[in-house]
Amino acid sequence: MDDRTKLKEELLTQIEQLKTPTDIKLGSPITDIQLEDKICQDIDGLTQKLEAKNPHLFPLCYAIHLLDGVWHLQYSTSREIRSLTKLKYGLKVGAVYQVIDLKTQSFFNQAFVKHRLGLISGYVLVTATFEVAKDNYAPLPDKRLNIDFKKRYLAIETIGGLSTPQLNPFKIVPARNPRGRVPIFDITYLDETLRIGRGGDGGLYILSKSETPFYPLPVKTITY
């Protein structure tokens, strides 16, 4: 086992061990606000060591095909994901997926939400398109994507265990891009089963490639 594989296994094992039984059951990610500072520093240290051993130094040039498919969020320090851990009224975030389609240069982020007593379940979904960022000083595409968020879907899938197709989704609104700047995302590590990235605000995302053979999207049609 080489050093990169050891670091990768150590990072994913540490993240998995920090999850509660409920997190594991629901497939929920964990965030830094749920952990002690020392543990967060350990995760960040392992992440930086793994990023330094990125097998694809120009992922958007030589390994962009690896982005395609369903990714399952395991750990994040981003503001959006941290806010999901503060849900009220007994609601808890479940699995968070990112589904990337290279052919259309689009993706959607989907966060499932469930009540602790099973009273209600639903999801929040955000669609977006992307393009490889261009740098006049760089001869090849590097690691940065420019993002354009499109729409936000809010949906309730079940109430009291009963399906609610009329509420799936119940609201569709424009997604908000930051004023005065283009949202960016840097891919700092990429292989066949793991992706690490950092948003424009510095938020860290660690995602594993999902083995689910179908997209987790409940609604039949979404538009960008």
Protein backbone atom coordinates (compact mmCIF):
# COMPACT_ATOMS: atom_id res chain seq x y z
CA MET A 1 0.00 0.00 0.00
CA ASP A 2 1.52 3.32 -1.06
CA ASP A 3 1.54 6.51 1.03
CA ARG A 4 -1.34 8.09 -0.89
CA THR A 5 -3.59 5.08 -0.34
CA LYS A 6 -2.70 5.00 3.36
CA LEU A 7 -3.53 8.68 3.77
CA LYS A 8 -6.78 8.25 1.91
CA GLU A 9 -7.88 5.32 4.07
CA GLU A 10 -6.82 7.11 7.25
CA LEU A 11 -8.82 10.23 6.33
CA LEU A 12 -11.99 8.35 5.39
CA THR A 13 -11.74 6.06 8.41
CA GLN A 14 -11.39 9.00 10.78
CA ILE A 15 -14.42 10.72 9.26
CA GLU A 16 -16.50 7.55 9.47
CA GLN A 17 -15.56 6.95 13.11
CA LEU A 18 -16.70 10.48 14.01
CA LYS A 19 -20.21 9.88 12.71
CA THR A 20 -23.03 8.92 15.04
CA PRO A 21 -25.14 5.80 14.39
CA THR A 22 -27.87 8.11 13.09
CA ASP A 23 -25.41 9.82 10.73
CA ILE A 24 -24.37 6.44 9.34
CA LYS A 25 -27.97 5.26 8.95
CA LEU A 26 -29.03 8.40 7.09
CA GLY A 27 -25.76 8.86 5.18
CA SER A 28 -25.32 12.33 6.70
CA PRO A 29 -22.11 14.33 6.32
CA ILE A 30 -20.34 15.78 9.34
CA THR A 31 -19.01 19.32 9.69
CA ASP A 32 -16.37 21.09 11.69
CA ILE A 33 -18.89 22.75 14.02
CA GLN A 34 -19.83 19.32 15.35
CA LEU A 35 -16.24 18.51 16.32
CA GLU A 36 -13.53 19.68 18.70
CA ASP A 37 -10.88 22.01 17.29
CA LYS A 38 -8.11 19.41 17.66
CA ILE A 39 -10.07 16.85 15.64
CA CYS A 40 -10.78 19.43 12.92
CA GLN A 41 -7.09 20.26 12.77
CA ASP A 42 -6.25 16.56 12.40
CA ILE A 43 -8.72 16.21 9.50
CA ASP A 44 -7.40 19.34 7.84
CA GLY A 45 -3.82 18.11 8.24
CA LEU A 46 -4.61 14.74 6.65
CA THR A 47 -6.52 16.49 3.88
CA GLN A 48 -3.60 18.77 3.03
CA LYS A 49 -1.19 15.83 2.98
CA LEU A 50 -3.48 13.98 0.59
CA GLU A 51 -3.94 17.05 -1.60
CA ALA A 52 -0.15 17.24 -1.89
CA LYS A 53 -0.23 13.74 -3.38
CA ASN A 54 -2.98 14.47 -5.89
CA PRO A 55 -2.46 11.92 -8.69
CA HIS A 56 -3.79 14.42 -11.28
CA LEU A 57 -2.02 17.78 -11.02
CA PHE A 58 -4.19 19.17 -13.84
CA PRO A 59 -7.49 17.39 -13.11
CA LEU A 60 -9.56 19.47 -15.52
CA CYS A 61 -7.15 18.72 -18.34
CA TYR A 62 -6.16 15.10 -17.83
CA ALA A 63 -8.83 13.61 -15.55
CA ILE A 64 -12.02 15.58 -16.06
CA HIS A 65 -13.87 12.35 -16.95
CA LEU A 66 -13.55 11.28 -13.30
CA LEU A 67 -15.94 14.06 -12.26
CA ASP A 68 -18.92 12.45 -14.00
CA GLY A 69 -21.49 10.69 -11.84
CA VAL A 70 -22.89 10.69 -8.30
CA TRP A 71 -20.79 11.97 -5.39
CA HIS A 72 -21.70 11.54 -1.71
CA LEU A 73 -20.60 14.27 0.70
CA GLN A 74 -18.76 12.96 3.76
CA TYR A 75 -17.31 16.06 5.44
CA SER A 76 -17.49 19.81 4.92
CA THR A 77 -16.63 23.12 6.53
CA SER A 78 -18.74 25.17 4.11
CA ARG A 79 -21.32 27.63 5.42
CA GLU A 80 -24.17 26.00 3.49
CA ILE A 81 -23.53 22.52 4.86
CA ARG A 82 -22.90 23.77 8.38
CA SER A 83 -26.30 25.50 8.34
CA LEU A 84 -27.99 22.16 7.66
CA THR A 85 -26.78 20.85 11.02
CA LYS A 86 -28.85 23.55 12.77
CA LEU A 87 -32.28 22.47 11.52
CA LYS A 88 -35.12 22.88 14.03
CA TYR A 89 -38.36 21.07 14.87
CA GLY A 90 -36.72 17.65 15.04
CA LEU A 91 -35.47 17.74 11.45
CA LYS A 92 -32.08 16.26 10.56
CA VAL A 93 -30.10 16.38 7.35
CA GLY A 94 -29.56 13.02 5.70
CA ALA A 95 -27.45 12.17 2.67
CA VAL A 96 -26.10 15.04 0.58
CA TYR A 97 -25.31 14.24 -3.05
CA GLN A 98 -23.75 16.08 -5.96
CA VAL A 99 -24.60 14.66 -9.37
CA ILE A 100 -22.37 15.87 -12.22
CA ASP A 101 -23.16 15.55 -15.93
CA LEU A 102 -20.16 16.41 -18.06
CA LYS A 103 -22.12 16.26 -21.33
CA THR A 104 -24.29 19.20 -20.33
CA GLN A 105 -21.70 20.82 -18.04
CA SER A 106 -24.26 20.86 -15.25
CA PHE A 107 -24.78 19.44 -11.78
CA PHE A 108 -27.23 19.46 -8.93
CA ASN A 109 -26.70 19.38 -5.18
CA GLN A 110 -29.36 17.50 -3.27
CA ALA A 111 -29.70 17.37 0.52
CA PHE A 112 -32.27 15.01 2.01
CA VAL A 113 -34.00 15.94 5.26
CA LYS A 114 -35.92 13.69 7.66
CA HIS A 115 -37.75 14.18 10.94
CA ARG A 116 -36.24 12.25 13.84
CA LEU A 117 -39.60 10.54 14.47
CA GLY A 118 -40.33 9.95 10.79
CA LEU A 119 -43.12 12.54 10.69
CA ILE A 120 -41.90 14.18 7.48
CA SER A 121 -39.19 13.77 4.84
CA GLY A 122 -38.09 15.85 1.91
CA TYR A 123 -35.13 17.50 0.26
CA VAL A 124 -33.54 20.69 -0.97
CA LEU A 125 -32.06 20.65 -4.46
CA VAL A 126 -30.00 23.30 -6.26
CA THR A 127 -29.17 23.15 -9.97
CA ALA A 128 -26.15 24.77 -11.57
CA THR A 129 -23.98 24.85 -14.68
CA PHE A 130 -20.21 25.10 -14.77
CA GLU A 131 -17.29 25.86 -17.05
CA VAL A 132 -13.55 25.46 -16.74
CA ALA A 133 -12.03 28.73 -15.55
CA LYS A 134 -9.71 30.33 -18.08
CA ASP A 135 -6.38 31.82 -17.10
CA ASN A 136 -4.43 33.80 -19.68
CA TYR A 137 -1.21 32.94 -17.87
CA ALA A 138 -1.80 29.18 -17.68
CA PRO A 139 -1.28 27.05 -20.80
CA LEU A 140 -3.58 24.24 -19.59
CA PRO A 141 -6.84 24.03 -17.61
CA ASP A 142 -5.90 23.50 -13.99
CA LYS A 143 -8.35 22.88 -11.14
CA ARG A 144 -10.82 25.78 -11.05
CA LEU A 145 -14.44 25.73 -12.15
CA ASN A 146 -16.70 28.76 -12.54
CA ILE A 147 -20.20 28.04 -11.26
CA ASP A 148 -23.56 29.52 -12.21
CA PHE A 149 -26.33 28.52 -9.80
CA LYS A 150 -29.73 28.29 -11.49
CA LYS A 151 -32.71 27.08 -9.46
CA ARG A 152 -33.59 25.88 -5.97
CA TYR A 153 -36.19 23.18 -5.43
CA LEU A 154 -37.91 22.54 -2.09
CA ALA A 155 -39.83 19.29 -1.73
CA ILE A 156 -41.76 17.21 0.78
CA GLU A 157 -41.74 13.52 -0.13
CA THR A 158 -43.75 12.05 2.75
CA ILE A 159 -45.89 13.19 5.67
CA GLY A 160 -46.64 10.63 8.36
CA GLY A 161 -45.29 7.92 6.09
CA LEU A 162 -47.66 8.82 3.24
CA SER A 163 -46.31 9.90 -0.15
CA THR A 164 -47.00 13.51 -1.13
CA PRO A 165 -46.31 13.80 -4.89
CA GLN A 166 -48.23 17.08 -5.03
CA LEU A 167 -45.52 18.61 -2.80
CA ASN A 168 -42.57 17.13 -4.71
CA PRO A 169 -41.52 19.84 -5.32
CA PHE A 170 -43.76 22.43 -3.67
CA LYS A 171 -41.56 25.43 -4.45
CA ILE A 172 -39.08 26.37 -7.19
CA VAL A 173 -37.19 29.65 -6.94
CA PRO A 174 -34.11 31.16 -8.60
CA ALA A 175 -30.87 30.24 -6.86
CA ARG A 176 -28.80 33.19 -5.72
CA ASN A 177 -25.26 33.75 -6.97
CA PRO A 178 -22.97 36.02 -4.93
CA ARG A 179 -23.20 39.66 -5.95
CA GLY A 180 -20.26 41.07 -7.85
CA ARG A 181 -18.32 37.84 -8.30
CA VAL A 182 -18.47 34.49 -10.05
CA PRO A 183 -18.72 31.48 -7.68
CA ILE A 184 -15.71 29.22 -8.03
CA PHE A 185 -14.76 25.73 -6.95
CA ASP A 186 -11.22 24.34 -6.87
CA ILE A 187 -10.68 20.60 -7.25
CA THR A 188 -7.65 19.93 -5.08
CA TYR A 189 -7.70 16.13 -5.17
CA LEU A 190 -9.32 13.70 -7.59
CA ASP A 191 -9.17 9.98 -8.20
CA GLU A 192 -11.67 7.26 -9.12
CA THR A 193 -13.36 7.15 -5.69
CA LEU A 194 -12.50 10.37 -3.81
CA ARG A 195 -12.76 14.07 -4.53
CA ILE A 196 -11.62 16.98 -2.39
CA GLY A 197 -12.44 20.56 -3.23
CA ARG A 198 -12.58 24.06 -1.82
CA GLY A 199 -15.16 26.73 -2.54
CA GLY A 200 -14.56 30.41 -3.07
CA ASP A 201 -15.14 31.04 0.63
CA GLY A 202 -12.51 28.46 1.57
CA GLY A 203 -15.06 25.84 2.58
CA LEU A 204 -13.72 22.30 2.38
CA TYR A 205 -15.65 19.45 0.74
CA ILE A 206 -14.69 15.77 0.93
CA LEU A 207 -16.81 13.49 -1.26
CA SER A 208 -16.73 9.81 -2.13
CA LYS A 209 -17.96 8.36 -5.41
CA SER A 210 -21.34 6.74 -4.85
CA GLU A 211 -21.83 3.12 -5.86
CA THR A 212 -25.55 3.75 -6.29
CA PRO A 213 -26.35 2.71 -9.88
CA PHE A 214 -29.10 5.32 -10.24
CA TYR A 215 -29.40 9.01 -9.55
CA PRO A 216 -30.96 9.77 -6.15
CA LEU A 217 -33.25 12.44 -7.64
CA PRO A 218 -36.95 11.76 -6.81
CA VAL A 219 -38.51 14.29 -9.20
CA LYS A 220 -38.75 13.25 -12.83
CA THR A 221 -37.73 16.49 -14.48
CA ILE A 222 -35.54 19.40 -13.49
CA THR A 223 -34.53 22.37 -15.58
CA TYR A 224 -31.43 24.48 -15.50
